[in-house]
Amino acid sequence: MALIAAVSACSAPPRLEVSGQAALGQIGYAGPVLDQAQRDFLGGGGFPGFGGNDPVPYGGAAAATLAVAALRSDPLTPGLNLQSRAYAELGATTARLPQGLGVFTDPARVRMLATGLGADVMLERTRITPGGQRMTYAVGLGATRTLAWVDVQSALIDRQSRVWLTQPYLSLATRTQRRSGLDLAADLRVFSGGGAELRLGVAQGW
C-alpha cells in the first residue's frame, strides 16, 4: 500500500497534446484499406493474378495526420516512466495505383480521408542532453480503430467506398523536448497484420 501511495504521489497529472505528423512511402492503413476496397468493389471475388484477393500495389504515397491525445506518465524508476495514451486523429493520404484496381488495370489515383481512435502503453526512458534538451525514447504496444473514406479515380474507375479497420501495433518512438518552440517527434509503427509506417512531426503539450 505504501508503494502504491508513493507512486500515486509521484504520478504527473494527465496532460493534453496536439501533434501534426507526416509520412511518406508506406502508410500504415493504406494497404489494408485498399485491399478491402478492392474486395468490396469486386464483390469479394476475382481470379488469382487479376485482383479480388491479391494485395493492391501502390506507390508515391504521402500522408498528413493531425492528432489530439490525453497522456499520463507514471514513474517506475528514476528516468523510466510508464506512459498511457488515448488519442483521436484525422489523416489524409494520396497515392498512385500503377496497376489499377482489380481487373481494371489502367493506372489510377487514390485519395483517402481517415479518422481514428487509438490507445497505447509505452515504456519511456528520459535523458537530458548537454545542451539542456530533454529527449525521450519509448517502446510499447497499442491499437487503433480507423474509418477511411476511399476515392479511386482512373480512365475506367470512379469508385468511392468506406472501410473500417482495426490495427494492433508495436511502436518505437523518440521525442526531443525543446526549451522553446514545438517538440520534435518520430514514431515507427509495425503493424500486426504486416507493414510499417514512419511518422515525423511536431507536437505541443500542456
Protein backbone atom coordinates (compact mmCIF):
# COMPACT_ATOMS: atom_id res chain seq x y z
CA MET A 1 0.00 0.00 0.00
CA ALA A 2 2.82 2.38 0.86
CA LEU A 3 4.45 1.72 -2.53
CA ILE A 4 1.19 2.38 -4.38
CA ALA A 5 0.70 5.59 -2.44
CA ALA A 6 4.26 6.70 -3.21
CA VAL A 7 3.85 6.03 -6.95
CA SER A 8 0.50 7.81 -7.00
CA ALA A 9 2.02 10.80 -5.25
CA CYS A 10 4.77 10.99 -7.87
CA SER A 11 2.49 10.50 -10.89
CA ALA A 12 2.14 13.51 -13.12
CA PRO A 13 -1.43 14.64 -13.82
CA PRO A 14 -2.84 13.76 -17.25
CA ARG A 15 -1.85 16.23 -19.93
CA LEU A 16 -3.16 17.20 -23.35
CA GLU A 17 -1.11 17.14 -26.53
CA VAL A 18 -1.74 18.24 -30.13
CA SER A 19 0.54 16.94 -32.87
CA GLY A 20 0.97 17.14 -36.61
CA GLN A 21 2.77 14.34 -38.45
CA ALA A 22 3.70 13.37 -41.99
CA ALA A 23 4.61 10.03 -43.57
CA LEU A 24 5.96 9.09 -46.99
CA GLY A 25 6.20 5.75 -48.79
CA GLN A 26 4.44 3.09 -46.75
CA ILE A 27 1.30 4.27 -44.94
CA GLY A 28 0.01 2.07 -42.12
CA TYR A 29 -3.66 1.90 -43.05
CA ALA A 30 -3.33 2.36 -46.83
CA GLY A 31 -2.61 -1.24 -47.83
CA PRO A 32 -5.36 -2.93 -45.75
CA VAL A 33 -7.87 -0.21 -46.68
CA LEU A 34 -7.14 -0.59 -50.41
CA ASP A 35 -7.33 -4.39 -50.18
CA GLN A 36 -10.74 -4.18 -48.52
CA ALA A 37 -11.93 -1.54 -51.01
CA GLN A 38 -10.92 -3.88 -53.86
CA ARG A 39 -12.80 -6.81 -52.32
CA ASP A 40 -15.88 -4.64 -51.89
CA PHE A 41 -15.55 -3.36 -55.48
CA LEU A 42 -15.34 -6.88 -56.93
CA GLY A 43 -17.77 -8.49 -54.52
CA GLY A 44 -15.01 -10.46 -52.77
CA GLY A 45 -14.28 -12.42 -55.93
CA GLY A 46 -11.78 -12.17 -58.72
CA PHE A 47 -9.30 -14.59 -60.26
CA PRO A 48 -5.76 -15.13 -58.95
CA GLY A 49 -3.46 -12.64 -60.62
CA PHE A 50 -6.36 -10.46 -61.75
CA GLY A 51 -7.36 -8.84 -58.47
CA GLY A 52 -10.05 -9.56 -55.96
CA ASN A 53 -7.94 -11.40 -53.39
CA ASP A 54 -4.50 -10.08 -54.39
CA PRO A 55 -2.89 -7.19 -52.45
CA VAL A 56 -3.24 -3.82 -54.15
CA PRO A 57 0.21 -2.40 -55.03
CA TYR A 58 0.52 1.34 -54.52
CA GLY A 59 3.26 3.93 -54.75
CA GLY A 60 4.02 7.61 -54.34
CA ALA A 61 2.06 7.71 -51.10
CA ALA A 62 2.07 10.77 -48.84
CA ALA A 63 0.04 11.25 -45.67
CA ALA A 64 -0.58 14.03 -43.17
CA THR A 65 -2.15 13.45 -39.75
CA LEU A 66 -3.46 15.75 -37.01
CA ALA A 67 -3.92 14.16 -33.59
CA VAL A 68 -5.18 15.15 -30.14
CA ALA A 69 -4.07 12.97 -27.23
CA ALA A 70 -4.51 12.66 -23.47
CA LEU A 71 -1.38 11.28 -21.78
CA ARG A 72 -0.43 10.12 -18.30
CA SER A 73 3.07 9.20 -17.11
CA ASP A 74 3.78 7.11 -14.02
CA PRO A 75 7.39 6.83 -12.78
CA LEU A 76 8.79 3.31 -12.39
CA THR A 77 12.44 4.12 -11.64
CA PRO A 78 14.45 7.34 -12.00
CA GLY A 79 14.38 8.20 -15.69
CA LEU A 80 11.95 5.40 -16.62
CA ASN A 81 8.21 6.04 -16.93
CA LEU A 82 5.14 4.08 -17.94
CA GLN A 83 3.13 6.28 -20.32
CA SER A 84 -0.53 5.64 -21.14
CA ARG A 85 -2.11 7.49 -24.04
CA ALA A 86 -5.52 7.75 -25.68
CA TYR A 87 -5.86 9.72 -28.90
CA ALA A 88 -8.08 10.77 -31.77
CA GLU A 89 -6.63 11.53 -35.19
CA LEU A 90 -7.61 12.75 -38.63
CA GLY A 91 -5.47 11.94 -41.66
CA ALA A 92 -5.40 12.41 -45.42
CA THR A 93 -3.45 10.25 -47.89
CA THR A 94 -2.82 10.34 -51.63
CA ALA A 95 -1.21 7.54 -53.66
CA ARG A 96 -0.83 6.07 -57.13
CA LEU A 97 -2.14 2.65 -58.16
CA PRO A 98 0.18 1.74 -61.06
CA GLN A 99 -1.74 -1.49 -61.76
CA GLY A 100 -5.18 -0.03 -61.17
CA LEU A 101 -7.76 -1.81 -59.02
CA GLY A 102 -8.69 -5.45 -59.55
CA VAL A 103 -9.28 -6.39 -63.19
CA PHE A 104 -9.24 -2.70 -64.17
CA THR A 105 -5.51 -2.34 -64.75
CA ASP A 106 -5.46 1.25 -66.01
CA PRO A 107 -3.23 3.35 -63.67
CA ALA A 108 -5.31 5.12 -61.03
CA ARG A 109 -5.05 7.74 -58.31
CA VAL A 110 -6.44 7.23 -54.84
CA ARG A 111 -7.33 9.67 -52.09
CA MET A 112 -8.14 8.57 -48.55
CA LEU A 113 -9.54 10.50 -45.62
CA ALA A 114 -9.25 8.61 -42.34
CA THR A 115 -10.39 9.26 -38.80
CA GLY A 116 -9.45 7.03 -35.91
CA LEU A 117 -9.37 6.39 -32.17
CA GLY A 118 -6.46 4.65 -30.53
CA ALA A 119 -4.58 3.90 -27.33
CA ASP A 120 -1.12 2.68 -26.42
CA VAL A 121 1.07 1.95 -23.40
CA MET A 122 4.78 2.75 -23.61
CA LEU A 123 7.92 2.32 -21.54
CA GLU A 124 9.67 5.68 -21.76
CA ARG A 125 13.32 6.46 -20.98
CA THR A 126 14.34 10.09 -20.49
CA ARG A 127 17.72 11.81 -20.64
CA ILE A 128 18.93 15.41 -20.67
CA THR A 129 21.42 16.38 -23.39
CA PRO A 130 24.47 18.57 -22.66
CA GLY A 131 22.58 21.39 -24.38
CA GLY A 132 19.73 21.10 -21.88
CA GLN A 133 17.21 19.46 -24.18
CA ARG A 134 15.03 16.68 -22.81
CA MET A 135 14.98 13.57 -25.00
CA THR A 136 12.74 10.54 -24.59
CA TYR A 137 12.92 7.09 -26.14
CA ALA A 138 9.89 4.82 -25.89
CA VAL A 139 8.70 1.35 -26.88
CA GLY A 140 5.25 -0.09 -26.41
CA LEU A 141 2.08 -1.65 -27.76
CA GLY A 142 -1.14 -0.10 -28.98
CA ALA A 143 -4.11 -0.41 -31.29
CA THR A 144 -6.13 1.93 -33.46
CA ARG A 145 -9.64 1.74 -34.92
CA THR A 146 -9.89 3.61 -38.22
CA LEU A 147 -12.72 4.63 -40.53
CA ALA A 148 -11.45 5.52 -44.01
CA TRP A 149 -13.24 7.06 -46.97
CA VAL A 150 -11.60 5.97 -50.23
CA ASP A 151 -11.87 7.64 -53.65
CA VAL A 152 -10.29 5.80 -56.62
CA GLN A 153 -10.16 7.55 -60.00
CA SER A 154 -8.86 6.41 -63.39
CA ALA A 155 -9.95 6.36 -67.01
CA LEU A 156 -12.01 3.25 -66.17
CA ILE A 157 -12.86 3.65 -62.48
CA ASP A 158 -14.80 6.21 -60.46
CA ARG A 159 -15.20 4.40 -57.15
CA GLN A 160 -15.90 5.62 -53.62
CA SER A 161 -16.11 3.34 -50.60
CA ARG A 162 -15.93 3.32 -46.82
CA VAL A 163 -13.75 0.89 -44.86
CA TRP A 164 -13.43 0.08 -41.13
CA LEU A 165 -10.06 -1.19 -39.92
CA THR A 166 -8.57 -2.30 -36.58
CA GLN A 167 -4.76 -2.43 -36.32
CA PRO A 168 -2.70 -3.53 -33.29
CA TYR A 169 0.88 -2.23 -33.47
CA LEU A 170 4.32 -2.10 -31.89
CA SER A 171 5.62 1.46 -31.53
CA LEU A 172 9.19 2.76 -31.31
CA ALA A 173 9.20 6.49 -30.65
CA THR A 174 11.54 9.32 -29.82
CA ARG A 175 10.88 12.89 -28.75
CA THR A 176 13.07 15.97 -28.39
CA GLN A 177 11.51 18.48 -26.00
CA ARG A 178 13.00 21.87 -26.67
CA ARG A 179 13.05 24.69 -24.14
CA SER A 180 11.25 26.91 -26.64
CA GLY A 181 9.10 26.08 -29.65
CA LEU A 182 7.47 22.82 -30.66
CA ASP A 183 8.74 19.38 -29.70
CA LEU A 184 10.18 17.19 -32.48
CA ALA A 185 8.80 13.66 -32.71
CA ALA A 186 9.37 10.44 -34.65
CA ASP A 187 7.22 7.31 -34.38
CA LEU A 188 7.82 3.98 -36.13
CA ARG A 189 4.80 1.66 -36.03
CA VAL A 190 4.99 -2.00 -37.00
CA PHE A 191 1.52 -3.48 -37.52
CA SER A 192 0.48 -7.00 -36.53
CA GLY A 193 -1.07 -7.61 -39.96
CA GLY A 194 2.19 -6.69 -41.71
CA GLY A 195 3.62 -3.40 -42.85
CA ALA A 196 5.17 -0.47 -41.05
CA GLU A 197 4.93 3.31 -41.02
CA LEU A 198 7.40 6.02 -40.02
CA ARG A 199 5.83 9.30 -38.89
CA LEU A 200 7.81 12.52 -38.40
CA GLY A 201 6.27 15.63 -36.93
CA VAL A 202 5.92 18.25 -34.23
CA ALA A 203 3.90 18.34 -31.02
CA GLN A 204 2.76 20.79 -28.37
CA GLY A 205 1.70 19.69 -24.90
CA TRP A 206 0.03 21.39 -21.93
